[in-house]
Amino acid sequence: MSIWWSLHLRREAASVPLARRLLLGTMETAGVDPDVSFDLSIALSEACANAVEHGGDTARGGSSEAYRVTAYLDGETCRIEVADSGPGFPSGSVTRTPLRPVPARSDAEHGRGLCLIQELADHVQIGNKPGRGGAVVSFDKILKWKKDAPLMAV
């Protein structure tokens, strides 16, 4: 069985826990192992927080008020994509795989999100949307299931 959903969210801090709760509820209902669900919820929170903070289109003199979150649970994999309409990633940073951002200082309050996503997910892609711009962070993880999970992949 496959499950997917997509949200169009305002770039406000309150949208981050909303997306995380929807993901956790979907995974609990499907019977996904809680440890896997927790890892993906933290990764999603980091990606959403980046979209809220950096996802505005300031180059055009305004700010985009929304970003998009899409989640797919399909078979043995969960794939999540967070896309915004901001300036996107600097051109040199989108081609590095694995991601190698400059490490944040131990007392820094910012700068660890993409590294954390990479540690929690099995595969991570970062890039810019073609055309109008904006950043896209997508990641996936192989799912583990609880015993007798109602929607477990066959």
C-alpha atoms as a PDB file:
ATOM      1  CA  MET A   1       0.000   0.000   0.000  1.00  0.00           C
ATOM      2  CA  SER A   2       1.144   3.529  -0.728  1.00  0.00           C
ATOM      3  CA  ILE A   3       0.345   6.678   1.210  1.00  0.00           C
ATOM      4  CA  TRP A   4       1.229  10.196   0.137  1.00  0.00           C
ATOM      5  CA  TRP A   5       0.286  13.684   1.183  1.00  0.00           C
ATOM      6  CA  SER A   6       1.322  17.197   0.320  1.00  0.00           C
ATOM      7  CA  LEU A   7       1.006  20.361   2.394  1.00  0.00           C
ATOM      8  CA  HIS A   8       1.214  23.982   1.339  1.00  0.00           C
ATOM      9  CA  LEU A   9       2.333  25.751   4.521  1.00  0.00           C
ATOM     10  CA  ARG A  10       2.853  29.355   5.546  1.00  0.00           C
ATOM     11  CA  ARG A  11       6.429  30.305   6.349  1.00  0.00           C
ATOM     12  CA  GLU A  12       5.715  30.533  10.058  1.00  0.00           C
ATOM     13  CA  ALA A  13       7.351  28.681  12.932  1.00  0.00           C
ATOM     14  CA  ALA A  14       3.977  27.113  13.881  1.00  0.00           C
ATOM     15  CA  SER A  15       3.937  25.194  10.585  1.00  0.00           C
ATOM     16  CA  VAL A  16       6.936  23.052  11.573  1.00  0.00           C
ATOM     17  CA  PRO A  17       5.273  21.035  14.366  1.00  0.00           C
ATOM     18  CA  LEU A  18       2.134  20.725  12.236  1.00  0.00           C
ATOM     19  CA  ALA A  19       4.076  18.955   9.467  1.00  0.00           C
ATOM     20  CA  ARG A  20       5.916  16.809  12.005  1.00  0.00           C
ATOM     21  CA  ARG A  21       2.693  15.723  13.755  1.00  0.00           C
ATOM     22  CA  LEU A  22       1.073  14.776  10.456  1.00  0.00           C
ATOM     23  CA  LEU A  23       4.096  12.660   9.522  1.00  0.00           C
ATOM     24  CA  LEU A  24       4.213  10.965  12.930  1.00  0.00           C
ATOM     25  CA  GLY A  25       0.464  10.269  12.847  1.00  0.00           C
ATOM     26  CA  THR A  26       0.667   8.800   9.364  1.00  0.00           C
ATOM     27  CA  MET A  27       3.568   6.554  10.323  1.00  0.00           C
ATOM     28  CA  GLU A  28       1.955   5.417  13.558  1.00  0.00           C
ATOM     29  CA  THR A  29      -1.268   4.537  11.732  1.00  0.00           C
ATOM     30  CA  ALA A  30       0.694   2.639   9.079  1.00  0.00           C
ATOM     31  CA  GLY A  31       2.635   0.714  11.727  1.00  0.00           C
ATOM     32  CA  VAL A  32       6.119   2.094  11.098  1.00  0.00           C
ATOM     33  CA  ASP A  33       8.690   1.414  13.822  1.00  0.00           C
ATOM     34  CA  PRO A  34       8.725   4.384  16.266  1.00  0.00           C
ATOM     35  CA  ASP A  35      12.519   4.839  16.038  1.00  0.00           C
ATOM     36  CA  VAL A  36      12.341   5.257  12.256  1.00  0.00           C
ATOM     37  CA  SER A  37       9.366   7.603  12.609  1.00  0.00           C
ATOM     38  CA  PHE A  38      11.248   9.710  15.154  1.00  0.00           C
ATOM     39  CA  ASP A  39      14.352  10.006  12.930  1.00  0.00           C
ATOM     40  CA  LEU A  40      12.257  11.103   9.962  1.00  0.00           C
ATOM     41  CA  SER A  41      10.264  13.567  12.072  1.00  0.00           C
ATOM     42  CA  ILE A  42      13.458  15.274  13.257  1.00  0.00           C
ATOM     43  CA  ALA A  43      14.803  15.413   9.693  1.00  0.00           C
ATOM     44  CA  LEU A  44      11.490  16.872   8.484  1.00  0.00           C
ATOM     45  CA  SER A  45      11.545  19.471  11.273  1.00  0.00           C
ATOM     46  CA  GLU A  46      15.040  20.579  10.234  1.00  0.00           C
ATOM     47  CA  ALA A  47      14.064  20.850   6.561  1.00  0.00           C
ATOM     48  CA  CYS A  48      10.907  22.819   7.410  1.00  0.00           C
ATOM     49  CA  ALA A  49      12.811  25.126   9.761  1.00  0.00           C
ATOM     50  CA  ASN A  50      15.235  25.889   6.926  1.00  0.00           C
ATOM     51  CA  ALA A  51      12.337  26.689   4.583  1.00  0.00           C
ATOM     52  CA  VAL A  52      10.738  28.957   7.184  1.00  0.00           C
ATOM     53  CA  GLU A  53      13.981  30.812   7.850  1.00  0.00           C
ATOM     54  CA  HIS A  54      15.536  30.963   4.377  1.00  0.00           C
ATOM     55  CA  GLY A  55      12.651  30.298   1.971  1.00  0.00           C
ATOM     56  CA  GLY A  56      11.564  33.863   1.177  1.00  0.00           C
ATOM     57  CA  ASP A  57      12.056  35.458  -2.205  1.00  0.00           C
ATOM     58  CA  THR A  58      13.922  38.511  -0.992  1.00  0.00           C
ATOM     59  CA  ALA A  59      15.643  39.039  -4.371  1.00  0.00           C
ATOM     60  CA  ARG A  60      12.345  40.264  -5.861  1.00  0.00           C
ATOM     61  CA  GLY A  61      11.709  42.767  -3.108  1.00  0.00           C
ATOM     62  CA  GLY A  62       9.134  40.654  -1.314  1.00  0.00           C
ATOM     63  CA  SER A  63       8.883  37.407   0.526  1.00  0.00           C
ATOM     64  CA  SER A  64       7.217  34.194  -0.436  1.00  0.00           C
ATOM     65  CA  GLU A  65       4.731  33.292   2.249  1.00  0.00           C
ATOM     66  CA  ALA A  66       4.602  29.530   1.684  1.00  0.00           C
ATOM     67  CA  TYR A  67       6.563  26.339   1.234  1.00  0.00           C
ATOM     68  CA  ARG A  68       5.563  22.803   0.285  1.00  0.00           C
ATOM     69  CA  VAL A  69       6.068  19.492   2.097  1.00  0.00           C
ATOM     70  CA  THR A  70       5.354  16.186   0.361  1.00  0.00           C
ATOM     71  CA  ALA A  71       5.708  12.750   1.957  1.00  0.00           C
ATOM     72  CA  TYR A  72       5.464   9.347   0.275  1.00  0.00           C
ATOM     73  CA  LEU A  73       5.303   6.031   2.096  1.00  0.00           C
ATOM     74  CA  ASP A  74       5.636   3.520  -0.680  1.00  0.00           C
ATOM     75  CA  GLY A  75       6.545  -0.083  -0.055  1.00  0.00           C
ATOM     76  CA  GLU A  76       9.659  -0.207   2.090  1.00  0.00           C
ATOM     77  CA  THR A  77      10.637   3.476   1.737  1.00  0.00           C
ATOM     78  CA  CYS A  78       9.532   6.865   2.982  1.00  0.00           C
ATOM     79  CA  ARG A  79      10.535   9.841   0.829  1.00  0.00           C
ATOM     80  CA  ILE A  80      10.071  13.424   1.992  1.00  0.00           C
ATOM     81  CA  GLU A  81      10.529  16.603  -0.023  1.00  0.00           C
ATOM     82  CA  VAL A  82      10.509  20.194   1.261  1.00  0.00           C
ATOM     83  CA  ALA A  83      10.536  22.952  -1.369  1.00  0.00           C
ATOM     84  CA  ASP A  84      10.504  26.716  -0.955  1.00  0.00           C
ATOM     85  CA  SER A  85      10.585  29.804  -3.185  1.00  0.00           C
ATOM     86  CA  GLY A  86      13.605  31.504  -1.676  1.00  0.00           C
ATOM     87  CA  PRO A  87      16.977  32.274  -3.231  1.00  0.00           C
ATOM     88  CA  GLY A  88      17.999  28.602  -3.175  1.00  0.00           C
ATOM     89  CA  PHE A  89      21.376  27.160  -2.318  1.00  0.00           C
ATOM     90  CA  PRO A  90      24.609  28.783  -3.493  1.00  0.00           C
ATOM     91  CA  SER A  91      25.637  27.232  -6.808  1.00  0.00           C
ATOM     92  CA  GLY A  92      28.628  25.324  -5.401  1.00  0.00           C
ATOM     93  CA  SER A  93      26.729  23.694  -2.552  1.00  0.00           C
ATOM     94  CA  VAL A  94      24.145  21.713  -4.513  1.00  0.00           C
ATOM     95  CA  THR A  95      26.516  19.276  -6.160  1.00  0.00           C
ATOM     96  CA  ARG A  96      28.284  17.900  -3.085  1.00  0.00           C
ATOM     97  CA  THR A  97      27.355  14.348  -2.237  1.00  0.00           C
ATOM     98  CA  PRO A  98      27.538  13.516   0.536  1.00  0.00           C
ATOM     99  CA  LEU A  99      26.831  16.960   1.901  1.00  0.00           C
ATOM    100  CA  ARG A 100      29.894  18.604   3.354  1.00  0.00           C
ATOM    101  CA  PRO A 101      28.736  21.884   4.864  1.00  0.00           C
ATOM    102  CA  VAL A 102      31.223  23.805   6.922  1.00  0.00           C
ATOM    103  CA  PRO A 103      30.858  22.457  10.466  1.00  0.00           C
ATOM    104  CA  ALA A 104      29.137  24.819  12.869  1.00  0.00           C
ATOM    105  CA  ARG A 105      30.941  25.932  16.006  1.00  0.00           C
ATOM    106  CA  SER A 106      29.924  23.946  19.071  1.00  0.00           C
ATOM    107  CA  ASP A 107      28.187  27.004  20.551  1.00  0.00           C
ATOM    108  CA  ALA A 108      26.421  28.016  17.309  1.00  0.00           C
ATOM    109  CA  GLU A 109      22.624  28.082  17.258  1.00  0.00           C
ATOM    110  CA  HIS A 110      22.395  27.501  13.497  1.00  0.00           C
ATOM    111  CA  GLY A 111      24.161  25.546  10.781  1.00  0.00           C
ATOM    112  CA  ARG A 112      23.583  21.905  11.656  1.00  0.00           C
ATOM    113  CA  GLY A 113      20.276  21.142   9.947  1.00  0.00           C
ATOM    114  CA  LEU A 114      21.476  19.635   6.662  1.00  0.00           C
ATOM    115  CA  CYS A 115      24.149  17.575   8.428  1.00  0.00           C
ATOM    116  CA  LEU A 116      21.538  16.274  10.858  1.00  0.00           C
ATOM    117  CA  ILE A 117      19.185  15.353   8.005  1.00  0.00           C
ATOM    118  CA  GLN A 118      22.003  13.435   6.348  1.00  0.00           C
ATOM    119  CA  GLU A 119      22.729  11.506   9.540  1.00  0.00           C
ATOM    120  CA  LEU A 120      19.072  10.552  10.065  1.00  0.00           C
ATOM    121  CA  ALA A 121      18.120   9.620   6.483  1.00  0.00           C
ATOM    122  CA  ASP A 122      19.504   6.987   4.124  1.00  0.00           C
ATOM    123  CA  HIS A 123      19.736   9.248   1.069  1.00  0.00           C
ATOM    124  CA  VAL A 124      19.661  13.050   0.844  1.00  0.00           C
ATOM    125  CA  GLN A 125      19.468  15.366  -2.152  1.00  0.00           C
ATOM    126  CA  ILE A 126      19.670  19.130  -2.033  1.00  0.00           C
ATOM    127  CA  GLY A 127      19.220  21.390  -4.995  1.00  0.00           C
ATOM    128  CA  ASN A 128      17.477  24.315  -6.534  1.00  0.00           C
ATOM    129  CA  LYS A 129      14.212  24.298  -8.445  1.00  0.00           C
ATOM    130  CA  PRO A 130      14.713  25.037 -12.127  1.00  0.00           C
ATOM    131  CA  GLY A 131      13.375  28.298 -13.461  1.00  0.00           C
ATOM    132  CA  ARG A 132      11.980  30.529 -10.741  1.00  0.00           C
ATOM    133  CA  GLY A 133      14.370  29.273  -8.097  1.00  0.00           C
ATOM    134  CA  GLY A 134      13.949  28.063  -4.584  1.00  0.00           C
ATOM    135  CA  ALA A 135      15.556  25.270  -2.616  1.00  0.00           C
ATOM    136  CA  VAL A 136      14.511  21.619  -2.583  1.00  0.00           C
ATOM    137  CA  VAL A 137      15.623  19.214   0.137  1.00  0.00           C
ATOM    138  CA  SER A 138      14.555  15.610  -0.320  1.00  0.00           C
ATOM    139  CA  PHE A 139      15.474  12.581   1.714  1.00  0.00           C
ATOM    140  CA  ASP A 140      14.398   9.000   2.108  1.00  0.00           C
ATOM    141  CA  LYS A 141      14.725   6.196   4.595  1.00  0.00           C
ATOM    142  CA  ILE A 142      14.112   2.471   4.464  1.00  0.00           C
ATOM    143  CA  LEU A 143      11.161   1.680   6.732  1.00  0.00           C
ATOM    144  CA  LYS A 144      11.044  -0.842   9.540  1.00  0.00           C
ATOM    145  CA  TRP A 145       7.651  -2.038  10.687  1.00  0.00           C
ATOM    146  CA  LYS A 146       6.075  -2.976  13.988  1.00  0.00           C
ATOM    147  CA  LYS A 147       4.960  -6.562  14.289  1.00  0.00           C
ATOM    148  CA  ASP A 148       1.499  -6.945  12.702  1.00  0.00           C
ATOM    149  CA  ALA A 149       1.579  -3.443  11.199  1.00  0.00           C
ATOM    150  CA  PRO A 150      -1.728  -2.798   9.404  1.00  0.00           C
ATOM    151  CA  LEU A 151      -0.191  -1.252   6.270  1.00  0.00           C
ATOM    152  CA  MET A 152       3.112  -3.110   6.179  1.00  0.00           C
ATOM    153  CA  ALA A 153       4.535  -3.583   2.713  1.00  0.00           C
ATOM    154  CA  VAL A 154       4.124  -7.075   1.354  1.00  0.00           C
END
